[in-house]
Amino acid sequence: MIAVRGPNAIMVLDRTSVPVKEICDALIEARTITDVTARYGITNEEVMECVDAFCDNRSPTPNDFLLLETDFDNHTMDIEAVGLSDWVFFTLLRLGEMYEQQSDELGVLFARGLEEVIHDCLIDVANGKKEYQSSHIHVLVFEALEQTHGTINQPEAETLLIELTRDNK
């Protein structure tokens, strides 16, 4: 559980009084959730509560960004995040954790969150819809994908969906 302490209203884990910001900073440097839980004596659930608190208490800003490198050769879709803001990282991490709850690896959780958002956007474009535009993270990811890959129209989205599905088998 998250609590607020002190005259500056610092968010902390209630059980240990470790600041949420400190846990989030540790996650940026860590490879696994276990690295953070071992360092602070907290649970996986408490780590994800800190991620939730960060995302819930901070709106996206014009400074939030995602830079992708893509390679679409031989029916393979390789997408690599080469630059991103904290908000993007934690938002995609939180989304990935919803699908990969058994994973402890931050890279796996982030990649799954990114993959799910890309999938959502491509489904919308393939179906001639723009529902993804109601979500800041979806817009940011789709713009980053188009920036590196080029404009994605309906036929291109259908092709990319096939590649995305093939890569996940």
Foldseek 3Di string as FASTA:
>chain_A
DWAFDDPVRFIADVVQRHGLVVLLVVVVVDFFQVVSCVVRVDDSVSSLVSLVCVQVVDDDDPPWAWAWAWDCPPLATDIDTPDGDSNLLSVLLNQLCVVCVVGGGSVNSNVSSLLVLLLVCLVQQLVVHDPLVVDPSSVRSVVNCCVNPNDQHNVNSVSVNVSSVVNVD
